[in-house]
Amino acid sequence: MTHNDIPQSAASALFRTVVRIAPLRTRIGHANRILSLGSCFADNMARRMQRAKFRVTASPTGILFNPESVARAIEAFDRGGTASGGNTGLPHGVRGVQYASGRYFSYDFHSSFSSEYEAVALGNMKKAIAEGAAALQKADTLVITFGTAWIYRLCSDGEAVANCHKQPQSLFSRELLSAERITNRYDALLTGPLCGKRVILTVSPVRHLGDGLDGNSLSKAILRVAAAEICRRHAQAEYFPSYEILNDELRDYRFYADDMTHPSAAAVDYIWQRFAEAAFDERTRRAAAAAERIAEAAEHRPFNPASEEYRTFCRTMLARIDSLRSECPDMDLECEQALFAAHLG
């Protein structure tokens, strides 16, 4: 018997282990307000949700790799309307700007917020906190992705940093968080700033090779235990197995990018499809898929924008937008509508 002779069900059993995922207790729809925080994988998934026209705010202060930095960001957003009283205008507990190596930066923000000008860096940070505060206040759902249990603490204040900004290693101490410490930290958040909000926890499938493969395995195990315990203690929290999907279901290097660490575009797409199955009902999945097709069409650059053929295409897309809006009025398609309408004069 050749491979082609194997029935599909048998082939699946032989060559693929499917991760069983129960539907989330409360499904996500386009009317929900979502705040996504965490690792670069969280950003990838948030971009997919934005492309499908969900109301998502993604990582206002930038990529956050560890649970402690995510917790500090949530607390900063919760205090977002209350300035520290200093001259920074940032909330209490948020570090102000530092200057080193020709850049102004903060240890509570990603390096993308740094600048050679202090006023620019501070302005970017204040805007990010304001965006995060507004998003947290409006959000009914948070998607939080833990990347690593390893943290770096700034020796001068003993607090975890979101980013080391390539500063000397002597400024930091390295520590492995325990599952108990992470769980207790999120107990306080889920009964405090996140009270009444649903939380979807994931563990990033991206391996942190800087920790060594043994250190990475230990870190991921801690994060997984912590996520399970948080969900056990809090009915509002649920777990989505993105880590298990890549490592147990897609366990092949063809599903990794060229760095052999991050998931490939195909892997992200597959995990997104599995998330949609678990998180959306059938009507929402259809609407999200239709929105993605419209977004793809809007990105298409026509060979001859003035042609009647392209004008007909624009009319077709506008009709599809009207139809989708009537079915899903909470979906924001204004940019796509304006683009197609502009080509009709």
C-alpha atoms as a PDB file:
ATOM      1  CA  MET A   1       0.000   0.000   0.000  1.00  0.00           C
ATOM      2  CA  THR A   2       1.376   3.387  -0.979  1.00  0.00           C
ATOM      3  CA  HIS A   3       0.873   6.645   0.908  1.00  0.00           C
ATOM      4  CA  ASN A   4      -1.734   7.678  -1.664  1.00  0.00           C
ATOM      5  CA  ASP A   5      -3.704   4.518  -0.868  1.00  0.00           C
ATOM      6  CA  ILE A   6      -3.998   5.354   2.830  1.00  0.00           C
ATOM      7  CA  PRO A   7      -7.485   6.643   3.732  1.00  0.00           C
ATOM      8  CA  GLN A   8      -7.496  10.271   4.861  1.00  0.00           C
ATOM      9  CA  SER A   9      -8.473   9.396   8.441  1.00  0.00           C
ATOM     10  CA  ALA A  10      -5.643   6.850   8.688  1.00  0.00           C
ATOM     11  CA  ALA A  11      -3.130   9.267   7.146  1.00  0.00           C
ATOM     12  CA  SER A  12      -4.103  11.887   9.696  1.00  0.00           C
ATOM     13  CA  ALA A  13      -3.630   9.419  12.518  1.00  0.00           C
ATOM     14  CA  LEU A  14      -0.234   8.329  11.203  1.00  0.00           C
ATOM     15  CA  PHE A  15       1.300  11.647  10.318  1.00  0.00           C
ATOM     16  CA  ARG A  16      -0.394  14.233  12.481  1.00  0.00           C
ATOM     17  CA  THR A  17      -1.417  14.606  16.110  1.00  0.00           C
ATOM     18  CA  VAL A  18      -4.323  17.037  16.279  1.00  0.00           C
ATOM     19  CA  VAL A  19      -4.622  19.175  19.398  1.00  0.00           C
ATOM     20  CA  ARG A  20      -8.188  18.914  20.653  1.00  0.00           C
ATOM     21  CA  ILE A  21      -9.546  22.377  21.487  1.00  0.00           C
ATOM     22  CA  ALA A  22     -12.849  22.913  23.230  1.00  0.00           C
ATOM     23  CA  PRO A  23     -14.779  26.024  22.167  1.00  0.00           C
ATOM     24  CA  LEU A  24     -14.257  28.979  24.475  1.00  0.00           C
ATOM     25  CA  ARG A  25     -17.069  29.366  26.993  1.00  0.00           C
ATOM     26  CA  THR A  26     -17.910  32.829  25.676  1.00  0.00           C
ATOM     27  CA  ARG A  27     -17.314  33.461  21.991  1.00  0.00           C
ATOM     28  CA  ILE A  28     -15.706  36.618  20.605  1.00  0.00           C
ATOM     29  CA  GLY A  29     -17.649  38.761  18.153  1.00  0.00           C
ATOM     30  CA  HIS A  30     -17.024  41.987  16.250  1.00  0.00           C
ATOM     31  CA  ALA A  31     -18.858  43.953  18.943  1.00  0.00           C
ATOM     32  CA  ASN A  32     -16.272  42.972  21.566  1.00  0.00           C
ATOM     33  CA  ARG A  33     -13.436  45.295  22.582  1.00  0.00           C
ATOM     34  CA  ILE A  34     -10.155  43.420  22.832  1.00  0.00           C
ATOM     35  CA  LEU A  35      -6.771  44.334  24.319  1.00  0.00           C
ATOM     36  CA  SER A  36      -3.866  42.098  23.301  1.00  0.00           C
ATOM     37  CA  LEU A  37      -0.656  42.079  25.335  1.00  0.00           C
ATOM     38  CA  GLY A  38       2.515  40.032  25.390  1.00  0.00           C
ATOM     39  CA  SER A  39       5.114  38.582  23.073  1.00  0.00           C
ATOM     40  CA  CYS A  40       5.749  39.035  19.358  1.00  0.00           C
ATOM     41  CA  PHE A  41       3.438  36.076  18.740  1.00  0.00           C
ATOM     42  CA  ALA A  42       0.658  38.051  20.450  1.00  0.00           C
ATOM     43  CA  ASP A  43       1.321  40.859  17.979  1.00  0.00           C
ATOM     44  CA  ASN A  44       1.023  38.446  15.038  1.00  0.00           C
ATOM     45  CA  MET A  45      -2.332  37.182  16.243  1.00  0.00           C
ATOM     46  CA  ALA A  46      -3.583  40.692  17.030  1.00  0.00           C
ATOM     47  CA  ARG A  47      -2.723  41.804  13.497  1.00  0.00           C
ATOM     48  CA  ARG A  48      -4.779  38.922  12.130  1.00  0.00           C
ATOM     49  CA  MET A  49      -7.715  39.996  14.290  1.00  0.00           C
ATOM     50  CA  GLN A  50      -7.343  43.595  13.129  1.00  0.00           C
ATOM     51  CA  ARG A  51      -7.251  42.446   9.517  1.00  0.00           C
ATOM     52  CA  ALA A  52     -10.482  40.542  10.134  1.00  0.00           C
ATOM     53  CA  LYS A  53     -11.906  43.838  11.472  1.00  0.00           C
ATOM     54  CA  PHE A  54     -12.193  42.981  15.142  1.00  0.00           C
ATOM     55  CA  ARG A  55     -11.853  45.879  17.581  1.00  0.00           C
ATOM     56  CA  VAL A  56      -8.358  45.146  18.882  1.00  0.00           C
ATOM     57  CA  THR A  57      -5.730  47.313  20.545  1.00  0.00           C
ATOM     58  CA  ALA A  58      -2.354  45.561  20.333  1.00  0.00           C
ATOM     59  CA  SER A  59       0.559  46.010  22.756  1.00  0.00           C
ATOM     60  CA  PRO A  60       0.371  49.793  23.355  1.00  0.00           C
ATOM     61  CA  THR A  61       3.801  49.866  25.083  1.00  0.00           C
ATOM     62  CA  GLY A  62       5.347  47.387  22.657  1.00  0.00           C
ATOM     63  CA  ILE A  63       6.205  43.706  22.815  1.00  0.00           C
ATOM     64  CA  LEU A  64       6.362  42.348  26.378  1.00  0.00           C
ATOM     65  CA  PHE A  65       8.051  39.000  26.826  1.00  0.00           C
ATOM     66  CA  ASN A  66       7.442  38.025  30.447  1.00  0.00           C
ATOM     67  CA  PRO A  67       4.351  37.901  32.706  1.00  0.00           C
ATOM     68  CA  GLU A  68       5.755  40.469  35.146  1.00  0.00           C
ATOM     69  CA  SER A  69       6.199  43.125  32.457  1.00  0.00           C
ATOM     70  CA  VAL A  70       2.680  42.441  31.168  1.00  0.00           C
ATOM     71  CA  ALA A  71       1.368  42.859  34.720  1.00  0.00           C
ATOM     72  CA  ARG A  72       3.249  46.147  35.154  1.00  0.00           C
ATOM     73  CA  ALA A  73       1.778  47.414  31.863  1.00  0.00           C
ATOM     74  CA  ILE A  74      -1.765  46.546  32.973  1.00  0.00           C
ATOM     75  CA  GLU A  75      -1.209  48.402  36.237  1.00  0.00           C
ATOM     76  CA  ALA A  76       0.182  51.398  34.342  1.00  0.00           C
ATOM     77  CA  PHE A  77      -2.894  51.453  32.090  1.00  0.00           C
ATOM     78  CA  ASP A  78      -5.123  51.188  35.150  1.00  0.00           C
ATOM     79  CA  ARG A  79      -3.392  54.276  36.570  1.00  0.00           C
ATOM     80  CA  GLY A  80      -3.197  55.932  33.161  1.00  0.00           C
ATOM     81  CA  GLY A  81      -5.329  58.915  34.087  1.00  0.00           C
ATOM     82  CA  THR A  82      -3.274  59.691  37.181  1.00  0.00           C
ATOM     83  CA  ALA A  83       0.088  61.373  36.618  1.00  0.00           C
ATOM     84  CA  SER A  84       2.896  60.732  39.083  1.00  0.00           C
ATOM     85  CA  GLY A  85       3.202  64.379  40.024  1.00  0.00           C
ATOM     86  CA  GLY A  86       6.654  64.582  38.489  1.00  0.00           C
ATOM     87  CA  ASN A  87       7.575  66.362  35.304  1.00  0.00           C
ATOM     88  CA  THR A  88       7.210  63.276  33.089  1.00  0.00           C
ATOM     89  CA  GLY A  89       3.416  63.131  32.970  1.00  0.00           C
ATOM     90  CA  LEU A  90       3.648  59.320  33.234  1.00  0.00           C
ATOM     91  CA  PRO A  91       1.604  57.396  35.819  1.00  0.00           C
ATOM     92  CA  HIS A  92       3.057  56.505  39.190  1.00  0.00           C
ATOM     93  CA  GLY A  93       5.222  53.378  38.962  1.00  0.00           C
ATOM     94  CA  VAL A  94       6.200  53.906  35.320  1.00  0.00           C
ATOM     95  CA  ARG A  95       9.863  54.665  34.836  1.00  0.00           C
ATOM     96  CA  GLY A  96      10.744  57.923  33.128  1.00  0.00           C
ATOM     97  CA  VAL A  97      13.252  58.318  30.317  1.00  0.00           C
ATOM     98  CA  GLN A  98      16.918  57.359  30.610  1.00  0.00           C
ATOM     99  CA  TYR A  99      19.728  58.486  28.352  1.00  0.00           C
ATOM    100  CA  ALA A 100      22.496  56.200  27.104  1.00  0.00           C
ATOM    101  CA  SER A 101      24.228  55.379  23.832  1.00  0.00           C
ATOM    102  CA  GLY A 102      22.738  58.462  22.182  1.00  0.00           C
ATOM    103  CA  ARG A 103      19.111  57.476  22.842  1.00  0.00           C
ATOM    104  CA  TYR A 104      16.380  58.372  25.317  1.00  0.00           C
ATOM    105  CA  PHE A 105      14.404  55.313  26.453  1.00  0.00           C
ATOM    106  CA  SER A 106      12.462  53.779  29.342  1.00  0.00           C
ATOM    107  CA  TYR A 107      12.884  50.325  30.833  1.00  0.00           C
ATOM    108  CA  ASP A 108       9.075  49.966  30.842  1.00  0.00           C
ATOM    109  CA  PHE A 109       8.773  50.359  27.060  1.00  0.00           C
ATOM    110  CA  HIS A 110       9.956  48.557  23.952  1.00  0.00           C
ATOM    111  CA  SER A 111      12.949  50.006  22.111  1.00  0.00           C
ATOM    112  CA  SER A 112      10.634  51.240  19.341  1.00  0.00           C
ATOM    113  CA  PHE A 113       9.636  54.062  21.716  1.00  0.00           C
ATOM    114  CA  SER A 114      13.191  55.352  22.095  1.00  0.00           C
ATOM    115  CA  SER A 115      14.462  58.459  20.320  1.00  0.00           C
ATOM    116  CA  GLU A 116      17.504  60.673  20.068  1.00  0.00           C
ATOM    117  CA  TYR A 117      15.228  63.459  21.362  1.00  0.00           C
ATOM    118  CA  GLU A 118      13.908  63.353  24.923  1.00  0.00           C
ATOM    119  CA  ALA A 119      10.673  65.175  24.127  1.00  0.00           C
ATOM    120  CA  VAL A 120       9.897  62.756  21.284  1.00  0.00           C
ATOM    121  CA  ALA A 121      10.576  59.681  23.434  1.00  0.00           C
ATOM    122  CA  LEU A 122       8.483  61.007  26.313  1.00  0.00           C
ATOM    123  CA  GLY A 123       5.686  62.045  23.969  1.00  0.00           C
ATOM    124  CA  ASN A 124       5.590  58.556  22.433  1.00  0.00           C
ATOM    125  CA  MET A 125       5.423  56.981  25.883  1.00  0.00           C
ATOM    126  CA  LYS A 126       2.652  59.260  27.161  1.00  0.00           C
ATOM    127  CA  LYS A 127       0.623  58.571  24.030  1.00  0.00           C
ATOM    128  CA  ALA A 128       1.101  54.804  24.504  1.00  0.00           C
ATOM    129  CA  ILE A 129      -0.040  54.924  28.137  1.00  0.00           C
ATOM    130  CA  ALA A 130      -3.097  56.983  27.168  1.00  0.00           C
ATOM    131  CA  GLU A 131      -3.942  54.487  24.410  1.00  0.00           C
ATOM    132  CA  GLY A 132      -3.502  51.567  26.791  1.00  0.00           C
ATOM    133  CA  ALA A 133      -5.594  53.220  29.501  1.00  0.00           C
ATOM    134  CA  ALA A 134      -8.454  53.852  27.077  1.00  0.00           C
ATOM    135  CA  ALA A 135      -8.209  50.321  25.680  1.00  0.00           C
ATOM    136  CA  LEU A 136      -8.207  48.716  29.143  1.00  0.00           C
ATOM    137  CA  GLN A 137     -11.197  50.758  30.245  1.00  0.00           C
ATOM    138  CA  LYS A 138     -13.242  49.790  27.169  1.00  0.00           C
ATOM    139  CA  ALA A 139     -12.040  46.193  26.792  1.00  0.00           C
ATOM    140  CA  ASP A 140     -14.283  43.323  27.762  1.00  0.00           C
ATOM    141  CA  THR A 141     -11.673  40.774  26.633  1.00  0.00           C
ATOM    142  CA  LEU A 142      -7.900  40.568  27.062  1.00  0.00           C
ATOM    143  CA  VAL A 143      -5.666  38.165  25.153  1.00  0.00           C
ATOM    144  CA  ILE A 144      -2.417  37.751  27.108  1.00  0.00           C
ATOM    145  CA  THR A 145       0.541  35.794  25.740  1.00  0.00           C
ATOM    146  CA  PHE A 146       3.367  34.742  28.048  1.00  0.00           C
ATOM    147  CA  GLY A 147       6.714  34.431  26.237  1.00  0.00           C
ATOM    148  CA  THR A 148       9.272  33.549  28.904  1.00  0.00           C
ATOM    149  CA  ALA A 149       9.468  33.098  32.658  1.00  0.00           C
ATOM    150  CA  TRP A 150      12.988  34.544  32.697  1.00  0.00           C
ATOM    151  CA  ILE A 151      13.113  38.206  33.714  1.00  0.00           C
ATOM    152  CA  TYR A 152      15.775  40.860  34.111  1.00  0.00           C
ATOM    153  CA  ARG A 153      15.580  43.155  37.125  1.00  0.00           C
ATOM    154  CA  LEU A 154      17.194  46.577  37.152  1.00  0.00           C
ATOM    155  CA  CYS A 155      19.631  46.499  40.058  1.00  0.00           C
ATOM    156  CA  SER A 156      18.978  50.151  40.961  1.00  0.00           C
ATOM    157  CA  ASP A 157      15.273  49.624  41.763  1.00  0.00           C
ATOM    158  CA  GLY A 158      14.794  45.844  41.833  1.00  0.00           C
ATOM    159  CA  GLU A 159      11.917  45.941  39.342  1.00  0.00           C
ATOM    160  CA  ALA A 160      11.605  43.850  36.169  1.00  0.00           C
ATOM    161  CA  VAL A 161      12.355  45.566  32.870  1.00  0.00           C
ATOM    162  CA  ALA A 162      10.353  45.181  29.693  1.00  0.00           C
ATOM    163  CA  ASN A 163      13.491  45.658  27.592  1.00  0.00           C
ATOM    164  CA  CYS A 164      17.191  45.931  28.439  1.00  0.00           C
ATOM    165  CA  HIS A 165      17.823  48.365  25.552  1.00  0.00           C
ATOM    166  CA  LYS A 166      21.275  46.798  24.987  1.00  0.00           C
ATOM    167  CA  GLN A 167      22.599  48.269  28.206  1.00  0.00           C
ATOM    168  CA  PRO A 168      25.501  46.660  30.154  1.00  0.00           C
ATOM    169  CA  GLN A 169      24.644  43.312  31.718  1.00  0.00           C
ATOM    170  CA  SER A 170      26.061  44.524  35.023  1.00  0.00           C
ATOM    171  CA  LEU A 171      22.994  46.796  35.433  1.00  0.00           C
ATOM    172  CA  PHE A 172      20.646  43.815  35.711  1.00  0.00           C
ATOM    173  CA  SER A 173      20.092  40.630  37.648  1.00  0.00           C
ATOM    174  CA  ARG A 174      18.530  37.608  35.917  1.00  0.00           C
ATOM    175  CA  GLU A 175      15.794  35.578  37.593  1.00  0.00           C
ATOM    176  CA  LEU A 176      13.435  32.724  36.757  1.00  0.00           C
ATOM    177  CA  LEU A 177       9.890  33.389  37.949  1.00  0.00           C
ATOM    178  CA  SER A 178       8.073  30.544  39.665  1.00  0.00           C
ATOM    179  CA  ALA A 179       4.623  29.370  38.628  1.00  0.00           C
ATOM    180  CA  GLU A 180       3.350  30.296  42.089  1.00  0.00           C
ATOM    181  CA  ARG A 181       4.695  33.831  41.829  1.00  0.00           C
ATOM    182  CA  ILE A 182       3.114  34.359  38.407  1.00  0.00           C
ATOM    183  CA  THR A 183      -0.200  32.932  39.596  1.00  0.00           C
ATOM    184  CA  ASN A 184      -0.308  35.113  42.696  1.00  0.00           C
ATOM    185  CA  ARG A 185       0.545  38.174  40.602  1.00  0.00           C
ATOM    186  CA  TYR A 186      -2.385  37.520  38.289  1.00  0.00           C
ATOM    187  CA  ASP A 187      -4.720  36.733  41.182  1.00  0.00           C
ATOM    188  CA  ALA A 188      -4.369  40.389  42.151  1.00  0.00           C
ATOM    189  CA  LEU A 189      -4.946  41.580  38.571  1.00  0.00           C
ATOM    190  CA  LEU A 190      -7.994  39.394  37.936  1.00  0.00           C
ATOM    191  CA  THR A 191      -9.632  40.591  41.139  1.00  0.00           C
ATOM    192  CA  GLY A 192      -8.460  44.172  40.538  1.00  0.00           C
ATOM    193  CA  PRO A 193      -8.023  45.975  37.191  1.00  0.00           C
ATOM    194  CA  LEU A 194      -9.266  42.950  35.223  1.00  0.00           C
ATOM    195  CA  CYS A 195     -12.286  42.213  37.391  1.00  0.00           C
ATOM    196  CA  GLY A 196     -15.323  41.630  35.182  1.00  0.00           C
ATOM    197  CA  LYS A 197     -13.206  41.158  32.038  1.00  0.00           C
ATOM    198  CA  ARG A 198     -12.595  37.816  30.362  1.00  0.00           C
ATOM    199  CA  VAL A 199      -8.983  36.817  29.857  1.00  0.00           C
ATOM    200  CA  ILE A 200      -7.655  34.412  27.228  1.00  0.00           C
ATOM    201  CA  LEU A 201      -4.183  33.167  28.154  1.00  0.00           C
ATOM    202  CA  THR A 202      -1.705  31.671  25.715  1.00  0.00           C
ATOM    203  CA  VAL A 203       1.938  30.613  25.889  1.00  0.00           C
ATOM    204  CA  SER A 204       4.027  31.787  22.953  1.00  0.00           C
ATOM    205  CA  PRO A 205       5.366  28.934  20.794  1.00  0.00           C
ATOM    206  CA  VAL A 206       8.456  31.029  19.995  1.00  0.00           C
ATOM    207  CA  ARG A 207      11.543  29.467  21.556  1.00  0.00           C
ATOM    208  CA  HIS A 208      13.906  31.751  23.472  1.00  0.00           C
ATOM    209  CA  LEU A 209      17.221  30.250  22.377  1.00  0.00           C
ATOM    210  CA  GLY A 210      19.172  32.827  24.385  1.00  0.00           C
ATOM    211  CA  ASP A 211      18.066  30.912  27.471  1.00  0.00           C
ATOM    212  CA  GLY A 212      19.407  27.673  26.014  1.00  0.00           C
ATOM    213  CA  LEU A 213      17.081  24.868  24.976  1.00  0.00           C
ATOM    214  CA  ASP A 214      17.006  23.482  28.520  1.00  0.00           C
ATOM    215  CA  GLY A 215      16.308  26.939  29.971  1.00  0.00           C
ATOM    216  CA  ASN A 216      13.615  27.539  27.359  1.00  0.00           C
ATOM    217  CA  SER A 217      11.916  24.217  28.148  1.00  0.00           C
ATOM    218  CA  LEU A 218      11.942  24.977  31.866  1.00  0.00           C
ATOM    219  CA  SER A 219      10.556  28.459  31.216  1.00  0.00           C
ATOM    220  CA  LYS A 220       7.713  27.247  28.996  1.00  0.00           C
ATOM    221  CA  ALA A 221       6.803  24.551  31.526  1.00  0.00           C
ATOM    222  CA  ILE A 222       6.524  27.169  34.273  1.00  0.00           C
ATOM    223  CA  LEU A 223       4.359  29.413  32.086  1.00  0.00           C
ATOM    224  CA  ARG A 224       2.082  26.514  31.191  1.00  0.00           C
ATOM    225  CA  VAL A 225       1.621  25.507  34.840  1.00  0.00           C
ATOM    226  CA  ALA A 226       0.941  29.125  35.813  1.00  0.00           C
ATOM    227  CA  ALA A 227      -1.637  29.549  33.038  1.00  0.00           C
ATOM    228  CA  ALA A 228      -3.425  26.354  34.096  1.00  0.00           C
ATOM    229  CA  GLU A 229      -3.528  27.442  37.735  1.00  0.00           C
ATOM    230  CA  ILE A 230      -4.798  30.928  36.858  1.00  0.00           C
ATOM    231  CA  CYS A 231      -7.614  29.375  34.825  1.00  0.00           C
ATOM    232  CA  ARG A 232      -8.407  26.947  37.645  1.00  0.00           C
ATOM    233  CA  ARG A 233      -8.731  29.773  40.156  1.00  0.00           C
ATOM    234  CA  HIS A 234     -10.614  32.244  37.957  1.00  0.00           C
ATOM    235  CA  ALA A 235     -13.668  31.329  35.885  1.00  0.00           C
ATOM    236  CA  GLN A 236     -13.134  34.441  33.738  1.00  0.00           C
ATOM    237  CA  ALA A 237      -9.792  33.070  32.457  1.00  0.00           C
ATOM    238  CA  GLU A 238      -9.409  30.477  29.688  1.00  0.00           C
ATOM    239  CA  TYR A 239      -6.405  28.948  27.938  1.00  0.00           C
ATOM    240  CA  PHE A 240      -5.802  28.638  24.192  1.00  0.00           C
ATOM    241  CA  PRO A 241      -3.083  26.085  23.266  1.00  0.00           C
ATOM    242  CA  SER A 242      -1.017  27.959  20.668  1.00  0.00           C
ATOM    243  CA  TYR A 243       2.175  26.525  22.190  1.00  0.00           C
ATOM    244  CA  GLU A 244       0.880  22.960  21.898  1.00  0.00           C
ATOM    245  CA  ILE A 245      -0.375  23.445  18.332  1.00  0.00           C
ATOM    246  CA  LEU A 246       3.053  24.429  16.999  1.00  0.00           C
ATOM    247  CA  ASN A 247       5.116  22.033  19.093  1.00  0.00           C
ATOM    248  CA  ASP A 248       2.848  18.968  19.060  1.00  0.00           C
ATOM    249  CA  GLU A 249       0.663  19.313  15.971  1.00  0.00           C
ATOM    250  CA  LEU A 250       2.986  21.175  13.581  1.00  0.00           C
ATOM    251  CA  ARG A 251       6.196  19.602  14.854  1.00  0.00           C
ATOM    252  CA  ASP A 252       8.291  20.075  11.734  1.00  0.00           C
ATOM    253  CA  TYR A 253      10.881  22.720  10.833  1.00  0.00           C
ATOM    254  CA  ARG A 254       8.956  23.599   7.680  1.00  0.00           C
ATOM    255  CA  PHE A 255       6.543  25.408  10.008  1.00  0.00           C
ATOM    256  CA  TYR A 256       9.310  27.686  11.284  1.00  0.00           C
ATOM    257  CA  ALA A 257      10.743  30.863   9.772  1.00  0.00           C
ATOM    258  CA  ASP A 258      14.334  31.016   8.518  1.00  0.00           C
ATOM    259  CA  ASP A 259      15.621  31.670  12.045  1.00  0.00           C
ATOM    260  CA  MET A 260      14.269  28.239  13.097  1.00  0.00           C
ATOM    261  CA  THR A 261      12.753  29.939  16.150  1.00  0.00           C
ATOM    262  CA  HIS A 262       9.653  31.903  15.113  1.00  0.00           C
ATOM    263  CA  PRO A 263       6.651  30.234  13.477  1.00  0.00           C
ATOM    264  CA  SER A 264       6.376  30.628   9.721  1.00  0.00           C
ATOM    265  CA  ALA A 265       3.563  32.569   8.080  1.00  0.00           C
ATOM    266  CA  ALA A 266       1.866  29.252   7.302  1.00  0.00           C
ATOM    267  CA  ALA A 267       2.056  28.223  10.971  1.00  0.00           C
ATOM    268  CA  VAL A 268       0.646  31.547  12.176  1.00  0.00           C
ATOM    269  CA  ASP A 269      -2.145  31.215   9.624  1.00  0.00           C
ATOM    270  CA  TYR A 270      -2.957  27.696  10.836  1.00  0.00           C
ATOM    271  CA  ILE A 271      -2.944  28.704  14.510  1.00  0.00           C
ATOM    272  CA  TRP A 272      -5.199  31.637  13.591  1.00  0.00           C
ATOM    273  CA  GLN A 273      -7.652  29.231  11.954  1.00  0.00           C
ATOM    274  CA  ARG A 274      -7.658  27.027  15.066  1.00  0.00           C
ATOM    275  CA  PHE A 275      -8.211  30.110  17.239  1.00  0.00           C
ATOM    276  CA  ALA A 276     -11.135  31.161  15.035  1.00  0.00           C
ATOM    277  CA  GLU A 277     -12.698  27.715  15.442  1.00  0.00           C
ATOM    278  CA  ALA A 278     -12.462  27.958  19.222  1.00  0.00           C
ATOM    279  CA  ALA A 279     -13.213  31.652  19.732  1.00  0.00           C
ATOM    280  CA  PHE A 280     -15.789  32.573  17.041  1.00  0.00           C
ATOM    281  CA  ASP A 281     -19.189  31.185  16.193  1.00  0.00           C
ATOM    282  CA  GLU A 282     -19.941  30.185  12.604  1.00  0.00           C
ATOM    283  CA  ARG A 283     -21.479  33.552  11.680  1.00  0.00           C
ATOM    284  CA  THR A 284     -18.470  35.463  13.042  1.00  0.00           C
ATOM    285  CA  ARG A 285     -16.024  33.157  11.217  1.00  0.00           C
ATOM    286  CA  ARG A 286     -17.798  33.806   7.920  1.00  0.00           C
ATOM    287  CA  ALA A 287     -17.817  37.567   8.523  1.00  0.00           C
ATOM    288  CA  ALA A 288     -14.134  37.586   9.536  1.00  0.00           C
ATOM    289  CA  ALA A 289     -13.149  35.632   6.412  1.00  0.00           C
ATOM    290  CA  ALA A 290     -15.151  38.015   4.225  1.00  0.00           C
ATOM    291  CA  ALA A 291     -13.487  41.025   5.889  1.00  0.00           C
ATOM    292  CA  GLU A 292     -10.041  39.551   5.256  1.00  0.00           C
ATOM    293  CA  ARG A 293     -10.875  39.078   1.569  1.00  0.00           C
ATOM    294  CA  ILE A 294     -11.987  42.707   1.333  1.00  0.00           C
ATOM    295  CA  ALA A 295      -8.782  43.872   3.054  1.00  0.00           C
ATOM    296  CA  GLU A 296      -6.723  41.818   0.601  1.00  0.00           C
ATOM    297  CA  ALA A 297      -8.622  43.325  -2.326  1.00  0.00           C
ATOM    298  CA  ALA A 298      -8.001  46.839  -0.981  1.00  0.00           C
ATOM    299  CA  GLU A 299      -4.254  46.139  -0.881  1.00  0.00           C
ATOM    300  CA  HIS A 300      -4.260  45.094  -4.547  1.00  0.00           C
ATOM    301  CA  ARG A 301      -2.650  47.654  -6.842  1.00  0.00           C
ATOM    302  CA  PRO A 302      -4.507  47.767 -10.181  1.00  0.00           C
ATOM    303  CA  PHE A 303      -2.601  47.839 -13.458  1.00  0.00           C
ATOM    304  CA  ASN A 304      -4.953  50.527 -14.804  1.00  0.00           C
ATOM    305  CA  PRO A 305      -6.992  52.288 -12.072  1.00  0.00           C
ATOM    306  CA  ALA A 306      -8.894  54.336 -14.644  1.00  0.00           C
ATOM    307  CA  SER A 307     -10.142  51.328 -16.598  1.00  0.00           C
ATOM    308  CA  GLU A 308     -13.814  50.415 -16.645  1.00  0.00           C
ATOM    309  CA  GLU A 309     -12.841  46.914 -15.583  1.00  0.00           C
ATOM    310  CA  TYR A 310     -11.333  48.213 -12.348  1.00  0.00           C
ATOM    311  CA  ARG A 311     -14.260  50.565 -11.760  1.00  0.00           C
ATOM    312  CA  THR A 312     -16.588  47.565 -12.031  1.00  0.00           C
ATOM    313  CA  PHE A 313     -14.372  45.743  -9.525  1.00  0.00           C
ATOM    314  CA  CYS A 314     -14.684  48.712  -7.113  1.00  0.00           C
ATOM    315  CA  ARG A 315     -18.475  48.706  -7.425  1.00  0.00           C
ATOM    316  CA  THR A 316     -18.506  44.989  -6.656  1.00  0.00           C
ATOM    317  CA  MET A 317     -16.343  45.491  -3.568  1.00  0.00           C
ATOM    318  CA  LEU A 318     -18.509  48.377  -2.336  1.00  0.00           C
ATOM    319  CA  ALA A 319     -21.575  46.159  -2.687  1.00  0.00           C
ATOM    320  CA  ARG A 320     -19.836  43.448  -0.672  1.00  0.00           C
ATOM    321  CA  ILE A 321     -18.930  45.984   2.020  1.00  0.00           C
ATOM    322  CA  ASP A 322     -22.549  47.158   2.239  1.00  0.00           C
ATOM    323  CA  SER A 323     -23.733  43.562   2.487  1.00  0.00           C
ATOM    324  CA  LEU A 324     -21.193  42.696   5.186  1.00  0.00           C
ATOM    325  CA  ARG A 325     -22.019  45.833   7.161  1.00  0.00           C
ATOM    326  CA  SER A 326     -25.714  45.000   7.124  1.00  0.00           C
ATOM    327  CA  GLU A 327     -24.870  41.563   8.532  1.00  0.00           C
ATOM    328  CA  CYS A 328     -22.234  42.836  10.966  1.00  0.00           C
ATOM    329  CA  PRO A 329     -22.801  46.539  11.798  1.00  0.00           C
ATOM    330  CA  ASP A 330     -19.970  46.623  14.372  1.00  0.00           C
ATOM    331  CA  MET A 331     -17.358  45.961  11.702  1.00  0.00           C
ATOM    332  CA  ASP A 332     -15.219  48.957  10.697  1.00  0.00           C
ATOM    333  CA  LEU A 333     -14.698  48.981   6.913  1.00  0.00           C
ATOM    334  CA  GLU A 334     -14.520  52.738   6.426  1.00  0.00           C
ATOM    335  CA  CYS A 335     -10.951  52.789   5.049  1.00  0.00           C
ATOM    336  CA  GLU A 336     -11.693  50.113   2.465  1.00  0.00           C
ATOM    337  CA  GLN A 337     -14.968  51.776   1.511  1.00  0.00           C
ATOM    338  CA  ALA A 338     -13.254  55.153   1.053  1.00  0.00           C
ATOM    339  CA  LEU A 339     -10.512  53.605  -1.090  1.00  0.00           C
ATOM    340  CA  PHE A 340     -12.888  51.889  -3.513  1.00  0.00           C
ATOM    341  CA  ALA A 341     -15.233  54.883  -3.631  1.00  0.00           C
ATOM    342  CA  ALA A 342     -12.332  57.205  -4.479  1.00  0.00           C
ATOM    343  CA  HIS A 343     -11.696  55.299  -7.714  1.00  0.00           C
ATOM    344  CA  LEU A 344     -15.280  55.921  -8.810  1.00  0.00           C
ATOM    345  CA  GLY A 345     -14.898  59.695  -8.583  1.00  0.00           C
END
